[in-house]
């Protein structure tokens, strides 16, 4: 299920809970809606609201941390690609084919990670990306001087770092947010909204306020889900670092 669908489902569930509370208000007898009952419900919902706010804050922090980590890895990968190209350039004309192979690999990676067609799925799997061919091409370089030996060793290290970053991005592509925990938080929010609807007057202002609150909360859930999948959806990691690196290759 997409993040948009989940966000919409959360909105419907939470707002429906508040409407259910309003329906219960009409069905219950007056002694169930006394001031003492209202105070008791407020105390209980205050505790639930505190727990929900705490967990929501932790989920947002975890999702933002995961997003920032992968964003930094993309920036590091772009910087290492440009530096590897410069190392190969300094190696000499013998590395010309290897530099062409590096550029081809980066172009493929950009197209796979940020496809132009929205219907295409993001592919983070490094398999078949040309990394193995690049690694073999660097290994085949035959240094003829001490300087070329040092540059080849540096290129091998950079190539290894790039491979590790690509696989790290792939392994991090799954959900880091616990869905059972998210479901529990949504259940708490539904209970809170039901309690608000139970004692809210059935007028346009109250219903509008509950709807806006439901939209805000479901928006927070949507942001959490989007940050947790930074290469899909609305909140994406920018491809600018990789495209800038691609523009500097071969120069």
C-alpha atoms as a PDB file:
ATOM      1  CA  UNK A   1       0.000   0.000   0.000  1.00  0.00           C
ATOM      2  CA  UNK A   2       1.331   3.451  -0.933  1.00  0.00           C
ATOM      3  CA  UNK A   3       2.088   6.182   1.593  1.00  0.00           C
ATOM      4  CA  UNK A   4      -0.730   8.303   0.138  1.00  0.00           C
ATOM      5  CA  UNK A   5      -3.225   5.489   0.644  1.00  0.00           C
ATOM      6  CA  UNK A   6      -2.038   4.858   4.206  1.00  0.00           C
ATOM      7  CA  UNK A   7      -2.246   8.575   5.060  1.00  0.00           C
ATOM      8  CA  UNK A   8      -5.765   8.772   3.642  1.00  0.00           C
ATOM      9  CA  UNK A   9      -6.790   5.618   5.523  1.00  0.00           C
ATOM     10  CA  UNK A  10      -5.454   7.086   8.782  1.00  0.00           C
ATOM     11  CA  UNK A  11      -7.418  10.295   8.151  1.00  0.00           C
ATOM     12  CA  UNK A  12     -10.622   8.350   7.527  1.00  0.00           C
ATOM     13  CA  UNK A  13     -10.162   6.145  10.603  1.00  0.00           C
ATOM     14  CA  UNK A  14      -9.383   9.018  12.969  1.00  0.00           C
ATOM     15  CA  UNK A  15     -12.144  11.322  11.732  1.00  0.00           C
ATOM     16  CA  UNK A  16     -14.639   8.438  11.676  1.00  0.00           C
ATOM     17  CA  UNK A  17     -13.750   7.764  15.315  1.00  0.00           C
ATOM     18  CA  UNK A  18     -14.693  11.333  16.256  1.00  0.00           C
ATOM     19  CA  UNK A  19     -17.977  11.012  14.361  1.00  0.00           C
ATOM     20  CA  UNK A  20     -18.642   7.734  16.154  1.00  0.00           C
ATOM     21  CA  UNK A  21     -18.092   9.557  19.430  1.00  0.00           C
ATOM     22  CA  UNK A  22     -20.725  12.114  18.445  1.00  0.00           C
ATOM     23  CA  UNK A  23     -23.173   9.332  17.615  1.00  0.00           C
ATOM     24  CA  UNK A  24     -22.528   7.738  21.004  1.00  0.00           C
ATOM     25  CA  UNK A  25     -23.205  11.109  22.643  1.00  0.00           C
ATOM     26  CA  UNK A  26     -26.750  10.977  21.250  1.00  0.00           C
ATOM     27  CA  UNK A  27     -27.288   7.349  22.225  1.00  0.00           C
ATOM     28  CA  UNK A  28     -26.070   7.574  25.830  1.00  0.00           C
ATOM     29  CA  UNK A  29     -28.290   8.663  28.686  1.00  0.00           C
ATOM     30  CA  UNK A  30     -27.486  12.025  30.406  1.00  0.00           C
ATOM     31  CA  UNK A  31     -25.979  10.463  33.543  1.00  0.00           C
ATOM     32  CA  UNK A  32     -23.257   8.890  31.368  1.00  0.00           C
ATOM     33  CA  UNK A  33     -22.269  12.365  30.177  1.00  0.00           C
ATOM     34  CA  UNK A  34     -22.052  14.103  33.542  1.00  0.00           C
ATOM     35  CA  UNK A  35     -19.248  16.491  34.502  1.00  0.00           C
ATOM     36  CA  UNK A  36     -17.607  13.829  36.679  1.00  0.00           C
ATOM     37  CA  UNK A  37     -17.627  11.376  33.771  1.00  0.00           C
ATOM     38  CA  UNK A  38     -16.159  14.018  31.488  1.00  0.00           C
ATOM     39  CA  UNK A  39     -13.347  14.736  33.971  1.00  0.00           C
ATOM     40  CA  UNK A  40     -12.550  11.011  34.270  1.00  0.00           C
ATOM     41  CA  UNK A  41     -12.407  10.625  30.515  1.00  0.00           C
ATOM     42  CA  UNK A  42     -10.165  13.689  30.238  1.00  0.00           C
ATOM     43  CA  UNK A  43      -7.710  12.225  32.737  1.00  0.00           C
ATOM     44  CA  UNK A  44      -7.518   8.906  30.912  1.00  0.00           C
ATOM     45  CA  UNK A  45      -7.236  10.504  27.472  1.00  0.00           C
ATOM     46  CA  UNK A  46      -4.567  12.890  28.781  1.00  0.00           C
ATOM     47  CA  UNK A  47      -2.397   9.884  29.594  1.00  0.00           C
ATOM     48  CA  UNK A  48      -3.086   8.258  26.210  1.00  0.00           C
ATOM     49  CA  UNK A  49      -2.432  11.576  24.443  1.00  0.00           C
ATOM     50  CA  UNK A  50       0.915  11.975  26.190  1.00  0.00           C
ATOM     51  CA  UNK A  51       1.992   8.482  25.184  1.00  0.00           C
ATOM     52  CA  UNK A  52       0.842   9.035  21.595  1.00  0.00           C
ATOM     53  CA  UNK A  53       2.693  12.358  21.361  1.00  0.00           C
ATOM     54  CA  UNK A  54       5.856  10.771  22.763  1.00  0.00           C
ATOM     55  CA  UNK A  55       5.804   7.851  20.332  1.00  0.00           C
ATOM     56  CA  UNK A  56       4.940  10.114  17.396  1.00  0.00           C
ATOM     57  CA  UNK A  57       7.919  12.301  18.255  1.00  0.00           C
ATOM     58  CA  UNK A  58      10.196   9.262  18.419  1.00  0.00           C
ATOM     59  CA  UNK A  59       8.907   7.995  15.056  1.00  0.00           C
ATOM     60  CA  UNK A  60       9.465  11.369  13.408  1.00  0.00           C
ATOM     61  CA  UNK A  61      12.995  11.561  14.857  1.00  0.00           C
ATOM     62  CA  UNK A  62      13.791   8.000  13.718  1.00  0.00           C
ATOM     63  CA  UNK A  63      12.441   8.604  10.208  1.00  0.00           C
ATOM     64  CA  UNK A  64      14.282  11.942   9.892  1.00  0.00           C
ATOM     65  CA  UNK A  65      17.492  10.316  11.134  1.00  0.00           C
ATOM     66  CA  UNK A  66      17.185   7.550   8.548  1.00  0.00           C
ATOM     67  CA  UNK A  67      16.479  10.120   5.804  1.00  0.00           C
ATOM     68  CA  UNK A  68      19.479  12.265   6.752  1.00  0.00           C
ATOM     69  CA  UNK A  69      21.749   9.217   6.903  1.00  0.00           C
ATOM     70  CA  UNK A  70      20.874   8.096   3.381  1.00  0.00           C
ATOM     71  CA  UNK A  71      21.081  11.678   2.097  1.00  0.00           C
ATOM     72  CA  UNK A  72      24.600  11.981   3.496  1.00  0.00           C
ATOM     73  CA  UNK A  73      25.547   8.652   1.937  1.00  0.00           C
ATOM     74  CA  UNK A  74      24.402   9.891  -1.486  1.00  0.00           C
ATOM     75  CA  UNK A  75      26.500  13.061  -1.046  1.00  0.00           C
ATOM     76  CA  UNK A  76      29.517  10.998   0.009  1.00  0.00           C
ATOM     77  CA  UNK A  77      29.064   8.702  -2.973  1.00  0.00           C
ATOM     78  CA  UNK A  78      28.944  11.664  -5.368  1.00  0.00           C
ATOM     79  CA  UNK A  79      32.102  13.161  -3.870  1.00  0.00           C
ATOM     80  CA  UNK A  80      33.963   9.836  -4.052  1.00  0.00           C
ATOM     81  CA  UNK A  81      32.918   9.371  -7.681  1.00  0.00           C
ATOM     82  CA  UNK A  82      34.394  12.744  -8.693  1.00  0.00           C
ATOM     83  CA  UNK A  83      37.555  12.084  -6.706  1.00  0.00           C
ATOM     84  CA  UNK A  84      37.928   8.623  -8.257  1.00  0.00           C
ATOM     85  CA  UNK A  85      37.638  10.172 -11.713  1.00  0.00           C
ATOM     86  CA  UNK A  86      40.374  12.685 -10.862  1.00  0.00           C
ATOM     87  CA  UNK A  87      42.614   9.911  -9.539  1.00  0.00           C
ATOM     88  CA  UNK A  88      42.147   7.978 -12.780  1.00  0.00           C
ATOM     89  CA  UNK A  89      42.799  11.131 -14.796  1.00  0.00           C
ATOM     90  CA  UNK A  90      46.071  11.689 -12.944  1.00  0.00           C
ATOM     91  CA  UNK A  91      47.009   8.067 -13.550  1.00  0.00           C
ATOM     92  CA  UNK A  92      47.399   8.795 -17.244  1.00  0.00           C
ATOM     93  CA  UNK A  93      45.853   8.050 -20.643  1.00  0.00           C
ATOM     94  CA  UNK A  94      45.919   4.311 -19.851  1.00  0.00           C
ATOM     95  CA  UNK A  95      42.852   4.844 -17.648  1.00  0.00           C
ATOM     96  CA  UNK A  96      40.715   6.472 -20.371  1.00  0.00           C
ATOM     97  CA  UNK A  97      38.558   3.376 -20.900  1.00  0.00           C
ATOM     98  CA  UNK A  98      38.122   2.977 -17.147  1.00  0.00           C
ATOM     99  CA  UNK A  99      36.908   6.583 -16.843  1.00  0.00           C
ATOM    100  CA  UNK A 100      34.396   5.982 -19.642  1.00  0.00           C
ATOM    101  CA  UNK A 101      33.203   2.900 -17.776  1.00  0.00           C
ATOM    102  CA  UNK A 102      32.889   4.963 -14.566  1.00  0.00           C
ATOM    103  CA  UNK A 103      30.769   7.579 -16.320  1.00  0.00           C
ATOM    104  CA  UNK A 104      28.540   4.896 -17.832  1.00  0.00           C
ATOM    105  CA  UNK A 105      28.080   3.319 -14.404  1.00  0.00           C
ATOM    106  CA  UNK A 106      27.128   6.647 -12.809  1.00  0.00           C
ATOM    107  CA  UNK A 107      24.652   7.442 -15.590  1.00  0.00           C
ATOM    108  CA  UNK A 108      23.025   4.055 -15.058  1.00  0.00           C
ATOM    109  CA  UNK A 109      22.922   4.564 -11.291  1.00  0.00           C
ATOM    110  CA  UNK A 110      21.228   7.970 -11.636  1.00  0.00           C
ATOM    111  CA  UNK A 111      18.633   6.575 -14.037  1.00  0.00           C
ATOM    112  CA  UNK A 112      17.925   3.622 -11.755  1.00  0.00           C
ATOM    113  CA  UNK A 113      17.758   5.605  -8.521  1.00  0.00           C
ATOM    114  CA  UNK A 114      15.853   8.598  -9.930  1.00  0.00           C
ATOM    115  CA  UNK A 115      13.903   7.344 -12.969  1.00  0.00           C
ATOM    116  CA  UNK A 116      12.420  10.019 -15.234  1.00  0.00           C
ATOM    117  CA  UNK A 117       9.187   8.093 -15.657  1.00  0.00           C
ATOM    118  CA  UNK A 118       7.054   8.198 -12.507  1.00  0.00           C
ATOM    119  CA  UNK A 119       5.647   4.775 -13.391  1.00  0.00           C
ATOM    120  CA  UNK A 120       9.097   3.187 -13.116  1.00  0.00           C
ATOM    121  CA  UNK A 121      10.204   1.777  -9.789  1.00  0.00           C
ATOM    122  CA  UNK A 122      13.344   2.942  -8.034  1.00  0.00           C
ATOM    123  CA  UNK A 123      16.122   0.342  -8.265  1.00  0.00           C
ATOM    124  CA  UNK A 124      18.778   0.493  -5.574  1.00  0.00           C
ATOM    125  CA  UNK A 125      20.126  -3.022  -6.137  1.00  0.00           C
ATOM    126  CA  UNK A 126      23.767  -2.606  -7.276  1.00  0.00           C
ATOM    127  CA  UNK A 127      23.662  -5.961  -9.089  1.00  0.00           C
ATOM    128  CA  UNK A 128      24.008  -5.398 -12.824  1.00  0.00           C
ATOM    129  CA  UNK A 129      25.009  -1.750 -12.372  1.00  0.00           C
ATOM    130  CA  UNK A 130      28.495  -2.154 -13.833  1.00  0.00           C
ATOM    131  CA  UNK A 131      30.314  -2.030 -10.508  1.00  0.00           C
ATOM    132  CA  UNK A 132      31.997  -5.374 -11.089  1.00  0.00           C
ATOM    133  CA  UNK A 133      33.221  -4.289 -14.525  1.00  0.00           C
ATOM    134  CA  UNK A 134      34.632  -1.083 -13.086  1.00  0.00           C
ATOM    135  CA  UNK A 135      36.371  -3.004 -10.320  1.00  0.00           C
ATOM    136  CA  UNK A 136      37.951  -5.383 -12.813  1.00  0.00           C
ATOM    137  CA  UNK A 137      39.043  -2.508 -15.063  1.00  0.00           C
ATOM    138  CA  UNK A 138      40.814  -0.777 -12.171  1.00  0.00           C
ATOM    139  CA  UNK A 139      42.468  -4.035 -11.136  1.00  0.00           C
ATOM    140  CA  UNK A 140      43.773  -4.525 -14.683  1.00  0.00           C
ATOM    141  CA  UNK A 141      45.667  -1.222 -14.683  1.00  0.00           C
ATOM    142  CA  UNK A 142      49.415  -1.895 -14.961  1.00  0.00           C
ATOM    143  CA  UNK A 143      51.377   0.842 -13.178  1.00  0.00           C
ATOM    144  CA  UNK A 144      54.741   1.764 -14.692  1.00  0.00           C
ATOM    145  CA  UNK A 145      55.965   4.143 -11.996  1.00  0.00           C
ATOM    146  CA  UNK A 146      55.755   4.612  -8.257  1.00  0.00           C
ATOM    147  CA  UNK A 147      53.256   7.441  -8.767  1.00  0.00           C
ATOM    148  CA  UNK A 148      50.966   5.173 -10.797  1.00  0.00           C
ATOM    149  CA  UNK A 149      51.277   2.454  -8.144  1.00  0.00           C
ATOM    150  CA  UNK A 150      50.068   4.903  -5.502  1.00  0.00           C
ATOM    151  CA  UNK A 151      47.265   6.213  -7.721  1.00  0.00           C
ATOM    152  CA  UNK A 152      46.104   2.688  -8.577  1.00  0.00           C
ATOM    153  CA  UNK A 153      46.026   1.762  -4.890  1.00  0.00           C
ATOM    154  CA  UNK A 154      44.032   4.918  -4.183  1.00  0.00           C
ATOM    155  CA  UNK A 155      41.604   4.106  -7.008  1.00  0.00           C
ATOM    156  CA  UNK A 156      41.101   0.579  -5.673  1.00  0.00           C
ATOM    157  CA  UNK A 157      40.276   1.990  -2.230  1.00  0.00           C
ATOM    158  CA  UNK A 158      37.807   4.532  -3.640  1.00  0.00           C
ATOM    159  CA  UNK A 159      36.146   1.849  -5.749  1.00  0.00           C
ATOM    160  CA  UNK A 160      35.763  -0.318  -2.647  1.00  0.00           C
ATOM    161  CA  UNK A 161      34.212   2.583  -0.732  1.00  0.00           C
ATOM    162  CA  UNK A 162      31.742   3.220  -3.560  1.00  0.00           C
ATOM    163  CA  UNK A 163      30.715  -0.417  -3.612  1.00  0.00           C
ATOM    164  CA  UNK A 164      30.109  -0.405   0.125  1.00  0.00           C
ATOM    165  CA  UNK A 165      27.994   2.760  -0.096  1.00  0.00           C
ATOM    166  CA  UNK A 166      25.850   1.346  -2.915  1.00  0.00           C
ATOM    167  CA  UNK A 167      25.179  -1.864  -1.011  1.00  0.00           C
ATOM    168  CA  UNK A 168      24.548   0.098   2.179  1.00  0.00           C
ATOM    169  CA  UNK A 169      21.874   2.182   0.422  1.00  0.00           C
ATOM    170  CA  UNK A 170      20.302  -1.007  -0.891  1.00  0.00           C
ATOM    171  CA  UNK A 171      20.212  -2.673   2.527  1.00  0.00           C
ATOM    172  CA  UNK A 172      18.664   0.460   4.057  1.00  0.00           C
ATOM    173  CA  UNK A 173      15.915   0.617   1.433  1.00  0.00           C
ATOM    174  CA  UNK A 174      13.460  -1.371   3.564  1.00  0.00           C
ATOM    175  CA  UNK A 175      11.125   0.103   6.149  1.00  0.00           C
ATOM    176  CA  UNK A 176      12.902   1.186   9.332  1.00  0.00           C
ATOM    177  CA  UNK A 177       9.665   2.211  11.054  1.00  0.00           C
ATOM    178  CA  UNK A 178       7.941  -0.554  12.979  1.00  0.00           C
ATOM    179  CA  UNK A 179       4.481  -0.950  11.442  1.00  0.00           C
ATOM    180  CA  UNK A 180       2.982  -2.637  14.563  1.00  0.00           C
ATOM    181  CA  UNK A 181       4.145   0.361  16.616  1.00  0.00           C
ATOM    182  CA  UNK A 182       2.629   2.726  14.071  1.00  0.00           C
ATOM    183  CA  UNK A 183      -0.663   0.821  14.195  1.00  0.00           C
ATOM    184  CA  UNK A 184      -0.710   1.080  18.001  1.00  0.00           C
ATOM    185  CA  UNK A 185      -0.178   4.845  17.815  1.00  0.00           C
ATOM    186  CA  UNK A 186      -2.968   5.197  15.241  1.00  0.00           C
ATOM    187  CA  UNK A 187      -5.258   3.183  17.532  1.00  0.00           C
ATOM    188  CA  UNK A 188      -4.449   5.511  20.415  1.00  0.00           C
ATOM    189  CA  UNK A 189      -5.210   8.512  18.228  1.00  0.00           C
ATOM    190  CA  UNK A 190      -8.525   6.993  17.173  1.00  0.00           C
ATOM    191  CA  UNK A 191      -9.471   6.495  20.844  1.00  0.00           C
ATOM    192  CA  UNK A 192      -8.531  10.104  21.640  1.00  0.00           C
ATOM    193  CA  UNK A 193     -10.615  11.465  18.764  1.00  0.00           C
ATOM    194  CA  UNK A 194     -13.553   9.281  19.774  1.00  0.00           C
ATOM    195  CA  UNK A 195     -13.414  10.763  23.280  1.00  0.00           C
ATOM    196  CA  UNK A 196     -13.310  14.283  21.841  1.00  0.00           C
ATOM    197  CA  UNK A 197     -16.313  13.550  19.661  1.00  0.00           C
ATOM    198  CA  UNK A 198     -18.167  12.080  22.631  1.00  0.00           C
ATOM    199  CA  UNK A 199     -18.284  15.417  24.447  1.00  0.00           C
ATOM    200  CA  UNK A 200     -18.115  17.791  21.455  1.00  0.00           C
ATOM    201  CA  UNK A 201     -21.248  19.649  20.351  1.00  0.00           C
ATOM    202  CA  UNK A 202     -22.623  18.463  17.025  1.00  0.00           C
ATOM    203  CA  UNK A 203     -22.174  21.728  15.154  1.00  0.00           C
ATOM    204  CA  UNK A 204     -20.193  22.858  12.121  1.00  0.00           C
ATOM    205  CA  UNK A 205     -17.398  24.531  14.094  1.00  0.00           C
ATOM    206  CA  UNK A 206     -16.715  21.464  16.248  1.00  0.00           C
ATOM    207  CA  UNK A 207     -16.820  19.065  13.299  1.00  0.00           C
ATOM    208  CA  UNK A 208     -14.507  21.320  11.264  1.00  0.00           C
ATOM    209  CA  UNK A 209     -12.057  21.548  14.163  1.00  0.00           C
ATOM    210  CA  UNK A 210     -12.014  17.754  14.517  1.00  0.00           C
ATOM    211  CA  UNK A 211     -11.505  17.369  10.766  1.00  0.00           C
ATOM    212  CA  UNK A 212      -8.565  19.796  10.740  1.00  0.00           C
ATOM    213  CA  UNK A 213      -7.018  18.024  13.727  1.00  0.00           C
ATOM    214  CA  UNK A 214      -7.437  14.671  11.961  1.00  0.00           C
ATOM    215  CA  UNK A 215      -5.807  16.077   8.810  1.00  0.00           C
ATOM    216  CA  UNK A 216      -2.862  17.375  10.855  1.00  0.00           C
ATOM    217  CA  UNK A 217      -2.297  14.056  12.625  1.00  0.00           C
ATOM    218  CA  UNK A 218      -2.636  11.988   9.454  1.00  0.00           C
ATOM    219  CA  UNK A 219      -0.231  14.433   7.786  1.00  0.00           C
ATOM    220  CA  UNK A 220       2.321  13.654  10.493  1.00  0.00           C
ATOM    221  CA  UNK A 221       1.907   9.922   9.824  1.00  0.00           C
ATOM    222  CA  UNK A 222       2.307  10.583   6.090  1.00  0.00           C
ATOM    223  CA  UNK A 223       5.538  12.545   6.668  1.00  0.00           C
ATOM    224  CA  UNK A 224       6.919   9.698   8.801  1.00  0.00           C
ATOM    225  CA  UNK A 225       6.213   7.171   6.048  1.00  0.00           C
ATOM    226  CA  UNK A 226       7.665   9.452   3.348  1.00  0.00           C
ATOM    227  CA  UNK A 227      10.886  10.117   5.263  1.00  0.00           C
ATOM    228  CA  UNK A 228      11.257   6.384   5.794  1.00  0.00           C
ATOM    229  CA  UNK A 229      11.333   5.796   1.999  1.00  0.00           C
ATOM    230  CA  UNK A 230      13.545   8.664   0.763  1.00  0.00           C
ATOM    231  CA  UNK A 231      13.841   7.501  -2.857  1.00  0.00           C
ATOM    232  CA  UNK A 232      10.072   7.171  -3.425  1.00  0.00           C
ATOM    233  CA  UNK A 233       7.097   9.430  -2.972  1.00  0.00           C
ATOM    234  CA  UNK A 234       6.925  13.179  -2.442  1.00  0.00           C
ATOM    235  CA  UNK A 235       9.823  13.761  -0.017  1.00  0.00           C
ATOM    236  CA  UNK A 236      12.754  12.416  -2.009  1.00  0.00           C
ATOM    237  CA  UNK A 237      16.488  12.690  -1.621  1.00  0.00           C
ATOM    238  CA  UNK A 238      17.711  15.122  -4.274  1.00  0.00           C
ATOM    239  CA  UNK A 239      19.614  13.720  -7.225  1.00  0.00           C
ATOM    240  CA  UNK A 240      21.571  17.005  -7.529  1.00  0.00           C
ATOM    241  CA  UNK A 241      24.823  15.696  -5.931  1.00  0.00           C
ATOM    242  CA  UNK A 242      24.978  12.717  -8.298  1.00  0.00           C
ATOM    243  CA  UNK A 243      24.047  14.798 -11.344  1.00  0.00           C
ATOM    244  CA  UNK A 244      26.675  17.379 -10.419  1.00  0.00           C
ATOM    245  CA  UNK A 245      29.221  14.593 -10.090  1.00  0.00           C
ATOM    246  CA  UNK A 246      28.194  13.241 -13.503  1.00  0.00           C
ATOM    247  CA  UNK A 247      28.689  16.697 -15.042  1.00  0.00           C
ATOM    248  CA  UNK A 248      32.312  16.769 -13.791  1.00  0.00           C
ATOM    249  CA  UNK A 249      33.278  13.306 -15.010  1.00  0.00           C
ATOM    250  CA  UNK A 250      35.663  13.083 -17.929  1.00  0.00           C
ATOM    251  CA  UNK A 251      36.940  16.655 -17.590  1.00  0.00           C
END
